[in-house]
Amino acid sequence: MDIMSILTFLIIGAIAGLIAGNIMRGGGFGLLWNIIIGIIGAFVGGFVFSLLGITMVSGLIGSLVTATIGAIILLFIVGLIKR
């Protein structure tokens, strides 16, 4: 993995975290934490999709959708634990 791949992954995760924080009403934890959750959500989304046998379209849009769905799942779980 080169530096551009890592940077792209971090940017996609950050954008996904921001989108997920806006989608989950009351599920956001602030800008910085939503970005961190988006980056972790990229891993979660990829893992969940692979378990379900779903293959997303490759490229930036597919990666962004996968990371956003993973971040939404992660925000939901963290919201349940937070209660």
C-alpha atoms as a PDB file:
ATOM      1  CA  MET A   1       0.000   0.000   0.000  1.00  0.00           C
ATOM      2  CA  ASP A   2       1.522   3.292  -1.031  1.00  0.00           C
ATOM      3  CA  ILE A   3       0.987   6.715   0.522  1.00  0.00           C
ATOM      4  CA  MET A   4      -1.685   7.723  -2.022  1.00  0.00           C
ATOM      5  CA  SER A   5      -3.760   4.626  -1.232  1.00  0.00           C
ATOM      6  CA  ILE A   6      -3.583   5.329   2.486  1.00  0.00           C
ATOM      7  CA  LEU A   7      -4.445   8.991   1.972  1.00  0.00           C
ATOM      8  CA  THR A   8      -7.379   8.105  -0.278  1.00  0.00           C
ATOM      9  CA  PHE A   9      -8.622   5.575   2.280  1.00  0.00           C
ATOM     10  CA  LEU A  10      -8.459   8.175   5.065  1.00  0.00           C
ATOM     11  CA  ILE A  11     -10.261  10.805   2.991  1.00  0.00           C
ATOM     12  CA  ILE A  12     -13.026   8.387   1.985  1.00  0.00           C
ATOM     13  CA  GLY A  13     -13.399   7.304   5.608  1.00  0.00           C
ATOM     14  CA  ALA A  14     -13.586  10.908   6.756  1.00  0.00           C
ATOM     15  CA  ILE A  15     -16.258  11.793   4.208  1.00  0.00           C
ATOM     16  CA  ALA A  16     -18.197   8.636   5.078  1.00  0.00           C
ATOM     17  CA  GLY A  17     -18.083   9.550   8.769  1.00  0.00           C
ATOM     18  CA  LEU A  18     -19.447  13.004   8.063  1.00  0.00           C
ATOM     19  CA  ILE A  19     -22.245  11.596   5.915  1.00  0.00           C
ATOM     20  CA  ALA A  20     -23.102   8.911   8.469  1.00  0.00           C
ATOM     21  CA  GLY A  21     -23.140  11.481  11.283  1.00  0.00           C
ATOM     22  CA  ASN A  22     -25.650  13.541   9.319  1.00  0.00           C
ATOM     23  CA  ILE A  23     -27.806  10.520   8.459  1.00  0.00           C
ATOM     24  CA  MET A  24     -27.942   9.201  12.012  1.00  0.00           C
ATOM     25  CA  ARG A  25     -29.963  11.851  13.813  1.00  0.00           C
ATOM     26  CA  GLY A  26     -28.559  12.175  17.270  1.00  0.00           C
ATOM     27  CA  GLY A  27     -26.011   9.508  16.386  1.00  0.00           C
ATOM     28  CA  GLY A  28     -23.179  11.873  15.672  1.00  0.00           C
ATOM     29  CA  PHE A  29     -20.364  12.429  18.136  1.00  0.00           C
ATOM     30  CA  GLY A  30     -18.865  15.603  16.742  1.00  0.00           C
ATOM     31  CA  LEU A  31     -16.744  16.241  13.702  1.00  0.00           C
ATOM     32  CA  LEU A  32     -13.523  14.547  14.802  1.00  0.00           C
ATOM     33  CA  TRP A  33     -15.180  11.427  16.210  1.00  0.00           C
ATOM     34  CA  ASN A  34     -17.444  11.075  13.163  1.00  0.00           C
ATOM     35  CA  ILE A  35     -14.341  11.135  10.958  1.00  0.00           C
ATOM     36  CA  ILE A  36     -12.658   8.473  13.107  1.00  0.00           C
ATOM     37  CA  ILE A  37     -15.848   6.393  13.075  1.00  0.00           C
ATOM     38  CA  GLY A  38     -15.987   6.763   9.281  1.00  0.00           C
ATOM     39  CA  ILE A  39     -12.469   5.431   8.917  1.00  0.00           C
ATOM     40  CA  ILE A  40     -13.241   2.462  11.172  1.00  0.00           C
ATOM     41  CA  GLY A  41     -16.606   2.122   9.401  1.00  0.00           C
ATOM     42  CA  ALA A  42     -14.787   1.524   6.131  1.00  0.00           C
ATOM     43  CA  PHE A  43     -13.392  -1.672   7.642  1.00  0.00           C
ATOM     44  CA  VAL A  44     -16.773  -2.590   9.149  1.00  0.00           C
ATOM     45  CA  GLY A  45     -18.591  -2.030   5.846  1.00  0.00           C
ATOM     46  CA  GLY A  46     -16.105  -4.140   3.925  1.00  0.00           C
ATOM     47  CA  PHE A  47     -16.361  -6.911   6.514  1.00  0.00           C
ATOM     48  CA  VAL A  48     -20.188  -6.894   6.588  1.00  0.00           C
ATOM     49  CA  PHE A  49     -20.450  -6.851   2.807  1.00  0.00           C
ATOM     50  CA  SER A  50     -18.017  -9.742   2.494  1.00  0.00           C
ATOM     51  CA  LEU A  51     -20.017 -11.756   5.051  1.00  0.00           C
ATOM     52  CA  LEU A  52     -23.200 -11.132   3.073  1.00  0.00           C
ATOM     53  CA  GLY A  53     -21.478 -11.930  -0.223  1.00  0.00           C
ATOM     54  CA  ILE A  54     -22.207  -8.463  -1.609  1.00  0.00           C
ATOM     55  CA  THR A  55     -19.714  -7.014  -4.043  1.00  0.00           C
ATOM     56  CA  MET A  56     -19.838  -3.265  -4.420  1.00  0.00           C
ATOM     57  CA  VAL A  57     -18.836  -1.465  -7.572  1.00  0.00           C
ATOM     58  CA  SER A  58     -15.150  -0.692  -7.374  1.00  0.00           C
ATOM     59  CA  GLY A  59     -13.844   2.839  -7.423  1.00  0.00           C
ATOM     60  CA  LEU A  60     -14.353   5.867  -5.262  1.00  0.00           C
ATOM     61  CA  ILE A  61     -18.161   5.780  -5.236  1.00  0.00           C
ATOM     62  CA  GLY A  62     -18.304   2.109  -4.276  1.00  0.00           C
ATOM     63  CA  SER A  63     -15.738   2.659  -1.558  1.00  0.00           C
ATOM     64  CA  LEU A  64     -17.628   5.679  -0.256  1.00  0.00           C
ATOM     65  CA  VAL A  65     -20.926   3.762  -0.152  1.00  0.00           C
ATOM     66  CA  THR A  66     -19.289   0.830   1.633  1.00  0.00           C
ATOM     67  CA  ALA A  67     -17.574   3.080   4.172  1.00  0.00           C
ATOM     68  CA  THR A  68     -20.752   5.115   4.785  1.00  0.00           C
ATOM     69  CA  ILE A  69     -22.856   2.018   5.418  1.00  0.00           C
ATOM     70  CA  GLY A  70     -20.158   0.659   7.722  1.00  0.00           C
ATOM     71  CA  ALA A  71     -20.020   3.971   9.593  1.00  0.00           C
ATOM     72  CA  ILE A  72     -23.819   4.000   9.975  1.00  0.00           C
ATOM     73  CA  ILE A  73     -23.698   0.475  11.409  1.00  0.00           C
ATOM     74  CA  LEU A  74     -20.899   1.483  13.750  1.00  0.00           C
ATOM     75  CA  LEU A  75     -22.710   4.664  14.879  1.00  0.00           C
ATOM     76  CA  PHE A  76     -25.818   2.596  15.556  1.00  0.00           C
ATOM     77  CA  ILE A  77     -23.884   0.089  17.668  1.00  0.00           C
ATOM     78  CA  VAL A  78     -21.999   2.807  19.542  1.00  0.00           C
ATOM     79  CA  GLY A  79     -25.310   4.600  20.153  1.00  0.00           C
ATOM     80  CA  LEU A  80     -26.768   1.433  21.679  1.00  0.00           C
ATOM     81  CA  ILE A  81     -23.761   0.967  23.937  1.00  0.00           C
ATOM     82  CA  LYS A  82     -23.753   4.652  24.914  1.00  0.00           C
ATOM     83  CA  ARG A  83     -27.290   4.390  26.284  1.00  0.00           C
END
